[in-house]
Amino acid sequence: MQSSSSSSGPTAIVFMNMGGPSTLGEVGDFLSRLFVRPKPPTTSPNNLPTGTDQEEQADADLIPLGPLQSYLGPLIARRRTPKIQKQYDAIGGGSPIRKWSQHQAESMCRILDRTSPNTAPHKPYVAFRYAKPLTEEVYAQLLEDGFGERGRAVAFTQYPQYSCSTTGSSLNELWKWRMRLEGKEPEGGGIRWSVIDRWPVHQGLVDAFAKNIEAELVKYPEEKRKDVVLLFSAHSLPMSVVNRGDTYPAEVAATVYAVMQRLSFRNPYRLCWQSQVGPSAWLGAQTQDTVLEYVKKGHKDLVLIPIAFTSDHIETLYEIDREVIHEAKAAGGDGVRRAESLNGSEVFIEALADVARSHLRSGEACSRQMGLRCQGCKSERCKEQKMFFQSQKVFATA
């Protein structure tokens, strides 16, 4: 697949994220994938083995429900579908995450074509874990586009802070479809993968968050501005994942600290956690409780910052905007606002390009941190996935 010119391209840049239903009709399937993975066909499109039933019975990477997951998962998905459809209907009929992901990936690749000519052209792809375009669909497209003949592809997580339940889960899925669609030793050499697995304190990411916060703070009267409380909100994790040794809480905290450092610590701030699902214990304090408690304490000027999301979706447009802020205002918190999500921020898109360009120049298959498993990890799938990506042979570019 390599070009006959001086370029080592083309290079596929695959944005990985959880995804979301683009239409109301996709909500049911999205929730089913989120709570329970459907069983696969017995063979893949090229008749390779599809893996074991055990790994397909339930997807407990993000929402672990214990030994009853295969029973509880479908039940929860069915019961939640009408409610979640109403929520997506309230924000425009679907999640905008696919639109923003495609925009960010395409814009980033245009920058890379200009700033990293040795790896050009750069082709953008978006692969979602639980919604279309699914990982298996994108992998098949990569092969159709010719990358299976030792073409270069970068799996670029759109979760800046690493978690086994997000980036790790997406990489497990990518590795699974590598085995199914190409096999261990594919003819033609197969796709040459490398991974951008985390980037929590990249200066461009920090600047993008800081600029959006500053844009929100200027809406307050000058005499109140320094007293506005900044509440950084990130998607929570089950405590079972945290106690296993997941690095996500520490990396989110690192992002928050870097942003506050960029803002010269001018405002008081806290980190809180949102989107708890199911009966098990999750990392807190919860965002909704935090906002209401601060309003009760007299802190009525608050700015919520979605610090672990790179674009708008239901957690920002509905959970924060329509639930958290609505309840806060009803309780007297008229000064509660949300900073704009990164979405089409030019500063953020430049940051994406810088992260990718630095990775391509490094010659690294993945970060050193990715190879170290969580202290309590017992997953053979995780072990095999990490071994695979660490073993990939990539070369630095000038």
Protein backbone atom coordinates (compact mmCIF):
# COMPACT_ATOMS: atom_id res chain seq x y z
CA MET A 1 0.00 0.00 0.00
CA GLN A 2 2.99 2.32 0.46
CA SER A 3 3.27 5.18 -2.01
CA SER A 4 6.01 5.08 -4.62
CA SER A 5 6.84 8.72 -3.78
CA SER A 6 9.00 9.87 -0.87
CA SER A 7 5.91 9.72 1.35
CA SER A 8 5.40 6.69 3.58
CA GLY A 9 1.64 7.27 3.35
CA PRO A 10 -1.21 6.88 3.01
CA THR A 11 -1.90 6.77 6.73
CA ALA A 12 -5.27 5.89 8.21
CA ILE A 13 -6.19 7.84 11.35
CA VAL A 14 -8.95 5.95 13.17
CA PHE A 15 -10.82 7.96 15.80
CA MET A 16 -12.12 5.64 18.53
CA ASN A 17 -14.97 6.57 20.84
CA MET A 18 -18.02 5.11 22.56
CA GLY A 19 -20.39 6.66 20.03
CA GLY A 20 -24.08 7.36 20.26
CA PRO A 21 -27.26 6.74 18.26
CA SER A 22 -27.59 9.22 15.39
CA THR A 23 -31.35 8.60 15.16
CA LEU A 24 -34.10 7.57 17.56
CA GLY A 25 -34.38 4.25 15.74
CA GLU A 26 -30.80 3.36 16.69
CA VAL A 27 -31.29 3.82 20.44
CA GLY A 28 -32.40 0.25 21.17
CA ASP A 29 -29.45 -1.31 19.37
CA PHE A 30 -27.07 1.15 21.04
CA LEU A 31 -28.29 0.21 24.53
CA SER A 32 -28.20 -3.50 23.70
CA ARG A 33 -24.54 -3.22 22.71
CA LEU A 34 -23.82 -1.11 25.77
CA PHE A 35 -25.24 -3.61 28.26
CA VAL A 36 -24.85 -6.93 26.39
CA ARG A 37 -22.82 -7.74 23.30
CA PRO A 38 -24.81 -9.68 20.69
CA LYS A 39 -23.46 -13.08 19.76
CA PRO A 40 -21.51 -13.02 16.48
CA PRO A 41 -21.94 -15.18 13.38
CA THR A 42 -20.04 -18.45 13.59
CA THR A 43 -17.50 -17.24 11.02
CA SER A 44 -16.28 -13.86 9.90
CA PRO A 45 -16.74 -12.61 6.31
CA ASN A 46 -13.53 -14.37 5.25
CA ASN A 47 -14.36 -17.53 7.21
CA LEU A 48 -11.91 -16.92 10.05
CA PRO A 49 -12.93 -18.16 13.51
CA THR A 50 -15.01 -15.63 15.40
CA GLY A 51 -13.78 -16.28 18.95
CA THR A 52 -15.39 -17.79 21.98
CA ASP A 53 -18.97 -17.45 23.18
CA GLN A 54 -17.62 -16.45 26.60
CA GLU A 55 -16.15 -13.18 25.35
CA GLU A 56 -19.41 -12.34 23.59
CA GLN A 57 -21.95 -13.06 26.30
CA ALA A 58 -21.79 -9.63 27.85
CA ASP A 59 -19.84 -6.45 27.56
CA ALA A 60 -18.92 -5.58 31.13
CA ASP A 61 -16.12 -3.18 30.18
CA LEU A 62 -18.14 -0.04 30.84
CA ILE A 63 -21.14 -1.18 32.90
CA PRO A 64 -20.34 -4.32 34.91
CA LEU A 65 -23.46 -5.93 36.36
CA GLY A 66 -21.85 -8.99 37.89
CA PRO A 67 -22.63 -12.66 37.20
CA LEU A 68 -26.20 -11.81 36.15
CA GLN A 69 -25.12 -9.45 33.36
CA SER A 70 -26.37 -11.73 30.58
CA TYR A 71 -29.81 -11.65 32.23
CA LEU A 72 -29.91 -8.10 33.59
CA GLY A 73 -28.31 -6.47 30.54
CA PRO A 74 -31.10 -7.16 28.02
CA LEU A 75 -33.74 -6.36 30.64
CA ILE A 76 -32.20 -2.99 31.47
CA ALA A 77 -31.70 -2.17 27.77
CA ARG A 78 -35.33 -2.90 26.91
CA ARG A 79 -36.70 -0.95 29.86
CA ARG A 80 -34.46 2.06 29.29
CA THR A 81 -35.04 2.36 25.53
CA PRO A 82 -38.28 4.44 25.63
CA LYS A 83 -36.86 6.79 28.27
CA ILE A 84 -33.56 7.28 26.45
CA GLN A 85 -35.37 7.80 23.13
CA LYS A 86 -37.26 10.71 24.73
CA GLN A 87 -33.98 12.19 25.91
CA TYR A 88 -32.42 11.99 22.45
CA ASP A 89 -35.59 13.43 20.96
CA ALA A 90 -35.22 16.41 23.32
CA ILE A 91 -31.69 17.17 22.02
CA GLY A 92 -32.61 17.04 18.34
CA GLY A 93 -33.42 13.42 17.55
CA GLY A 94 -30.01 11.83 18.02
CA SER A 95 -26.47 12.23 19.26
CA PRO A 96 -24.22 14.76 17.47
CA ILE A 97 -21.08 12.78 18.38
CA ARG A 98 -20.74 11.21 14.92
CA LYS A 99 -21.05 14.58 13.19
CA TRP A 100 -18.46 16.18 15.46
CA SER A 101 -16.10 13.19 15.31
CA GLN A 102 -16.13 13.19 11.52
CA HIS A 103 -15.58 16.95 11.43
CA GLN A 104 -12.67 16.74 13.87
CA ALA A 105 -11.05 13.79 12.08
CA GLU A 106 -11.37 15.33 8.61
CA SER A 107 -10.11 18.74 9.77
CA MET A 108 -7.19 17.16 11.61
CA CYS A 109 -6.17 15.12 8.55
CA ARG A 110 -6.13 18.24 6.39
CA ILE A 111 -3.70 19.82 8.85
CA LEU A 112 -1.57 16.66 8.90
CA ASP A 113 -1.38 16.59 5.10
CA ARG A 114 0.23 20.02 5.30
CA THR A 115 2.41 19.55 8.40
CA SER A 116 3.40 15.88 8.07
CA PRO A 117 3.91 15.35 4.32
CA ASN A 118 6.07 12.27 4.90
CA THR A 119 3.01 10.33 6.13
CA ALA A 120 0.48 11.91 3.75
CA PRO A 121 -2.15 11.50 2.57
CA HIS A 122 -3.98 10.98 5.85
CA LYS A 123 -7.36 9.29 5.64
CA PRO A 124 -9.89 9.88 8.45
CA TYR A 125 -12.03 7.09 9.88
CA VAL A 126 -14.40 7.06 12.87
CA ALA A 127 -14.94 3.77 14.75
CA PHE A 128 -17.50 3.59 17.56
CA ARG A 129 -17.69 0.91 20.22
CA TYR A 130 -21.46 0.82 20.64
CA ALA A 131 -22.98 2.70 17.69
CA LYS A 132 -22.55 3.00 13.94
CA PRO A 133 -20.02 3.11 12.40
CA LEU A 134 -19.03 0.06 14.45
CA THR A 135 -15.45 -1.12 14.80
CA GLU A 136 -16.02 -4.16 12.61
CA GLU A 137 -17.52 -2.03 9.84
CA VAL A 138 -14.59 0.37 9.88
CA TYR A 139 -12.05 -2.47 9.96
CA ALA A 140 -13.67 -4.02 6.90
CA GLN A 141 -13.53 -0.61 5.18
CA LEU A 142 -9.83 -0.29 5.96
CA LEU A 143 -9.21 -3.64 4.28
CA GLU A 144 -11.34 -2.66 1.32
CA ASP A 145 -9.32 0.54 1.02
CA GLY A 146 -6.11 -1.45 0.73
CA PHE A 147 -4.56 -1.00 4.16
CA GLY A 148 -4.33 -4.78 4.64
CA GLU A 149 -1.18 -4.83 2.51
CA ARG A 150 1.04 -3.49 5.29
CA GLY A 151 -0.72 -0.16 5.31
CA ARG A 152 -0.19 2.17 8.28
CA ALA A 153 -3.10 2.86 10.63
CA VAL A 154 -3.19 4.82 13.89
CA ALA A 155 -5.85 4.02 16.48
CA PHE A 156 -6.40 7.45 18.04
CA THR A 157 -8.51 7.35 21.19
CA GLN A 158 -10.85 10.29 21.65
CA TYR A 159 -10.84 9.69 25.39
CA PRO A 160 -7.90 11.93 26.44
CA GLN A 161 -7.69 10.08 29.78
CA TYR A 162 -7.15 6.32 29.58
CA SER A 163 -9.55 3.84 31.15
CA CYS A 164 -9.87 0.11 30.64
CA SER A 165 -13.61 0.68 30.29
CA THR A 166 -13.28 3.15 27.40
CA THR A 167 -10.00 3.17 25.46
CA GLY A 168 -9.16 -0.32 26.70
CA SER A 169 -12.54 -1.63 25.61
CA SER A 170 -12.18 -0.02 22.16
CA LEU A 171 -8.73 -1.56 21.75
CA ASN A 172 -10.05 -4.97 22.83
CA GLU A 173 -12.66 -4.66 20.10
CA LEU A 174 -10.12 -3.54 17.51
CA TRP A 175 -7.81 -6.43 18.38
CA LYS A 176 -10.71 -8.89 18.22
CA TRP A 177 -11.61 -7.81 14.70
CA ARG A 178 -7.97 -7.91 13.66
CA MET A 179 -7.92 -11.59 14.64
CA ARG A 180 -11.23 -12.29 12.91
CA LEU A 181 -10.76 -10.36 9.70
CA GLU A 182 -7.00 -10.74 9.19
CA GLY A 183 -5.82 -13.48 11.52
CA LYS A 184 -2.54 -13.71 13.43
CA GLU A 185 -0.34 -13.84 10.33
CA PRO A 186 -2.33 -12.27 7.50
CA GLU A 187 -1.32 -12.58 3.87
CA GLY A 188 0.24 -9.38 2.62
CA GLY A 189 1.43 -8.51 6.12
CA GLY A 190 -1.80 -7.02 7.42
CA ILE A 191 -2.46 -3.55 8.75
CA ARG A 192 0.47 -2.08 10.72
CA TRP A 193 -1.17 -0.59 13.79
CA SER A 194 0.04 1.93 16.32
CA VAL A 195 -1.96 3.48 19.15
CA ILE A 196 -2.39 6.92 20.67
CA ASP A 197 -3.78 5.65 23.95
CA ARG A 198 -3.82 8.77 26.16
CA TRP A 199 -3.03 12.49 26.08
CA PRO A 200 -4.47 14.01 29.28
CA VAL A 201 -2.11 16.97 29.69
CA HIS A 202 -1.29 17.87 26.09
CA GLN A 203 -0.88 21.65 26.02
CA GLY A 204 -3.28 22.13 23.13
CA LEU A 205 -6.00 20.16 24.91
CA VAL A 206 -5.41 22.21 28.06
CA ASP A 207 -5.53 25.48 26.11
CA ALA A 208 -8.78 24.48 24.38
CA PHE A 209 -10.49 23.75 27.70
CA ALA A 210 -9.10 26.93 29.26
CA LYS A 211 -10.29 29.16 26.42
CA ASN A 212 -13.83 27.77 26.67
CA ILE A 213 -13.83 28.36 30.44
CA GLU A 214 -12.56 31.92 29.99
CA ALA A 215 -15.29 32.57 27.42
CA GLU A 216 -17.90 31.50 29.98
CA LEU A 217 -16.40 33.42 32.88
CA VAL A 218 -16.58 36.77 31.07
CA LYS A 219 -20.38 36.43 31.07
CA TYR A 220 -20.37 37.05 34.83
CA PRO A 221 -20.09 40.58 36.28
CA GLU A 222 -16.43 41.44 36.84
CA GLU A 223 -16.87 41.81 40.59
CA LYS A 224 -18.21 38.22 40.81
CA ARG A 225 -15.89 36.54 38.35
CA LYS A 226 -13.09 35.42 40.69
CA ASP A 227 -15.60 33.75 43.03
CA VAL A 228 -17.27 31.60 40.37
CA VAL A 229 -16.76 27.93 41.26
CA LEU A 230 -15.44 25.76 38.44
CA LEU A 231 -16.88 22.24 38.52
CA PHE A 232 -15.08 19.80 36.25
CA SER A 233 -17.39 16.91 35.41
CA ALA A 234 -16.22 13.56 34.03
CA HIS A 235 -18.02 10.29 33.34
CA SER A 236 -17.90 8.18 36.48
CA LEU A 237 -16.59 4.64 36.83
CA PRO A 238 -17.81 1.69 38.91
CA MET A 239 -15.70 1.38 42.05
CA SER A 240 -14.92 -2.20 41.08
CA VAL A 241 -13.01 -0.79 38.08
CA VAL A 242 -11.33 1.93 40.16
CA ASN A 243 -10.23 -0.55 42.83
CA ARG A 244 -8.77 -2.81 40.16
CA GLY A 245 -6.22 -0.08 39.50
CA ASP A 246 -7.69 1.85 36.56
CA THR A 247 -5.65 5.00 35.80
CA TYR A 248 -8.63 7.10 34.69
CA PRO A 249 -9.31 9.01 37.95
CA ALA A 250 -5.66 10.06 38.22
CA GLU A 251 -5.46 11.10 34.57
CA VAL A 252 -8.69 13.11 34.75
CA ALA A 253 -7.33 14.83 37.85
CA ALA A 254 -4.12 15.58 35.93
CA THR A 255 -6.12 17.29 33.18
CA VAL A 256 -8.04 19.34 35.72
CA TYR A 257 -4.86 20.46 37.46
CA ALA A 258 -3.19 21.38 34.16
CA VAL A 259 -6.21 23.47 33.12
CA MET A 260 -6.30 25.24 36.48
CA GLN A 261 -2.56 25.89 36.22
CA ARG A 262 -3.17 27.44 32.79
CA LEU A 263 -5.87 29.62 34.43
CA SER A 264 -3.43 30.62 37.21
CA PHE A 265 -5.75 29.05 39.82
CA ARG A 266 -7.86 32.21 39.77
CA ASN A 267 -11.07 30.41 40.76
CA PRO A 268 -12.02 27.78 43.34
CA TYR A 269 -12.64 24.40 41.70
CA ARG A 270 -13.69 20.81 42.25
CA LEU A 271 -13.82 17.58 40.24
CA CYS A 272 -17.06 15.59 40.22
CA TRP A 273 -18.43 12.58 38.37
CA GLN A 274 -21.60 11.95 36.35
CA SER A 275 -23.66 9.30 34.56
CA GLN A 276 -23.82 6.54 37.16
CA VAL A 277 -25.79 3.52 35.89
CA GLY A 278 -26.97 0.46 37.78
CA PRO A 279 -27.03 -0.52 41.45
CA SER A 280 -23.31 -0.91 42.17
CA ALA A 281 -21.10 1.70 43.84
CA TRP A 282 -19.61 4.32 41.48
CA LEU A 283 -16.92 6.95 41.85
CA GLY A 284 -18.23 10.18 43.41
CA ALA A 285 -19.11 12.81 44.33
CA GLN A 286 -21.86 12.83 41.73
CA THR A 287 -22.17 15.98 39.60
CA GLN A 288 -25.86 16.54 40.24
CA ASP A 289 -25.48 16.21 44.02
CA THR A 290 -22.41 18.46 43.97
CA VAL A 291 -24.18 21.29 42.15
CA LEU A 292 -27.24 21.19 44.41
CA GLU A 293 -25.13 21.08 47.56
CA TYR A 294 -23.08 24.09 46.48
CA VAL A 295 -26.22 26.05 45.59
CA LYS A 296 -27.58 25.26 49.07
CA LYS A 297 -24.30 26.52 50.57
CA GLY A 298 -24.73 29.82 48.76
CA HIS A 299 -22.42 29.21 45.78
CA LYS A 300 -24.89 30.17 43.06
CA ASP A 301 -22.36 31.07 40.38
CA LEU A 302 -20.95 27.81 39.00
CA VAL A 303 -19.47 26.78 35.65
CA LEU A 304 -19.66 23.11 34.70
CA ILE A 305 -16.85 21.87 32.45
CA PRO A 306 -17.16 18.47 30.70
CA ILE A 307 -13.48 17.62 31.12
CA ALA A 308 -13.41 14.05 29.74
CA PHE A 309 -15.54 14.59 26.62
CA THR A 310 -14.23 15.91 23.29
CA SER A 311 -17.64 16.81 21.86
CA ASP A 312 -21.27 17.23 22.80
CA HIS A 313 -23.52 14.22 23.32
CA ILE A 314 -26.33 13.18 25.61
CA GLU A 315 -24.23 13.55 28.79
CA THR A 316 -23.69 17.25 28.06
CA LEU A 317 -26.79 18.28 26.11
CA TYR A 318 -29.32 16.43 28.24
CA GLU A 319 -27.81 15.27 31.54
CA ILE A 320 -25.96 18.52 32.31
CA ASP A 321 -28.01 21.10 30.40
CA ARG A 322 -31.53 19.76 30.94
CA GLU A 323 -31.23 17.94 34.26
CA VAL A 324 -28.37 19.27 36.37
CA ILE A 325 -28.62 22.94 35.39
CA HIS A 326 -32.44 22.89 35.31
CA GLU A 327 -32.59 21.52 38.86
CA ALA A 328 -29.93 23.99 40.01
CA LYS A 329 -31.87 26.96 38.69
CA ALA A 330 -35.07 25.64 40.29
CA ALA A 331 -33.15 25.58 43.59
CA GLY A 332 -32.01 29.18 43.16
CA GLY A 333 -28.76 28.71 41.27
CA ASP A 334 -29.40 31.29 38.58
CA GLY A 335 -25.68 31.62 37.90
CA VAL A 336 -25.09 27.96 37.02
CA ARG A 337 -23.76 27.58 33.45
CA ARG A 338 -21.83 25.10 31.32
CA ALA A 339 -18.69 25.83 29.33
CA GLU A 340 -19.00 24.99 25.65
CA SER A 341 -17.76 21.55 24.60
CA LEU A 342 -14.69 21.28 22.39
CA ASN A 343 -16.67 20.37 19.26
CA GLY A 344 -15.31 22.50 16.39
CA SER A 345 -12.72 24.42 18.42
CA GLU A 346 -9.81 25.29 16.13
CA VAL A 347 -7.44 25.19 19.11
CA PHE A 348 -8.60 21.65 19.88
CA ILE A 349 -8.34 20.45 16.28
CA GLU A 350 -4.80 21.85 16.07
CA ALA A 351 -4.08 19.93 19.27
CA LEU A 352 -5.36 16.70 17.71
CA ALA A 353 -3.05 17.24 14.75
CA ASP A 354 -0.09 17.91 17.03
CA VAL A 355 -0.76 14.75 19.07
CA ALA A 356 -0.97 12.67 15.88
CA ARG A 357 2.07 14.30 14.25
CA SER A 358 4.22 13.74 17.36
CA HIS A 359 3.09 10.12 17.49
CA LEU A 360 3.94 9.49 13.84
CA ARG A 361 7.38 10.99 14.33
CA SER A 362 8.07 9.00 17.50
CA GLY A 363 8.13 5.55 15.95
CA GLU A 364 6.38 4.19 19.04
CA ALA A 365 3.67 1.54 18.76
CA CYS A 366 1.99 2.85 21.93
CA SER A 367 2.87 4.61 25.17
CA ARG A 368 5.03 2.92 27.80
CA GLN A 369 2.11 3.27 30.22
CA MET A 370 -0.22 1.20 28.03
CA GLY A 371 1.87 -1.93 28.44
CA LEU A 372 1.41 -1.99 32.23
CA ARG A 373 -1.78 -3.81 33.18
CA CYS A 374 -3.92 -2.78 36.13
CA GLN A 375 -2.85 -4.35 39.43
CA GLY A 376 -6.03 -6.40 39.68
CA CYS A 377 -6.47 -7.21 35.99
CA LYS A 378 -7.40 -10.85 35.33
CA SER A 379 -8.54 -10.42 31.72
CA GLU A 380 -6.73 -12.61 29.19
CA ARG A 381 -8.28 -10.55 26.41
CA CYS A 382 -6.67 -7.40 27.82
CA LYS A 383 -3.33 -9.18 28.14
CA GLU A 384 -3.39 -10.46 24.55
CA GLN A 385 -4.53 -7.10 23.18
CA LYS A 386 -1.70 -5.23 24.88
CA MET A 387 0.86 -7.77 23.71
CA PHE A 388 -0.39 -7.42 20.14
CA PHE A 389 -0.24 -3.63 19.95
CA GLN A 390 3.13 -3.48 21.73
CA SER A 391 4.56 -5.91 19.18
CA GLN A 392 3.63 -3.83 16.13
CA LYS A 393 6.58 -2.63 14.08
CA VAL A 394 6.32 1.02 13.11
CA PHE A 395 8.95 3.49 12.03
CA ALA A 396 9.61 7.07 12.98
CA THR A 397 9.14 9.73 10.30
CA ALA A 398 11.14 12.89 9.89
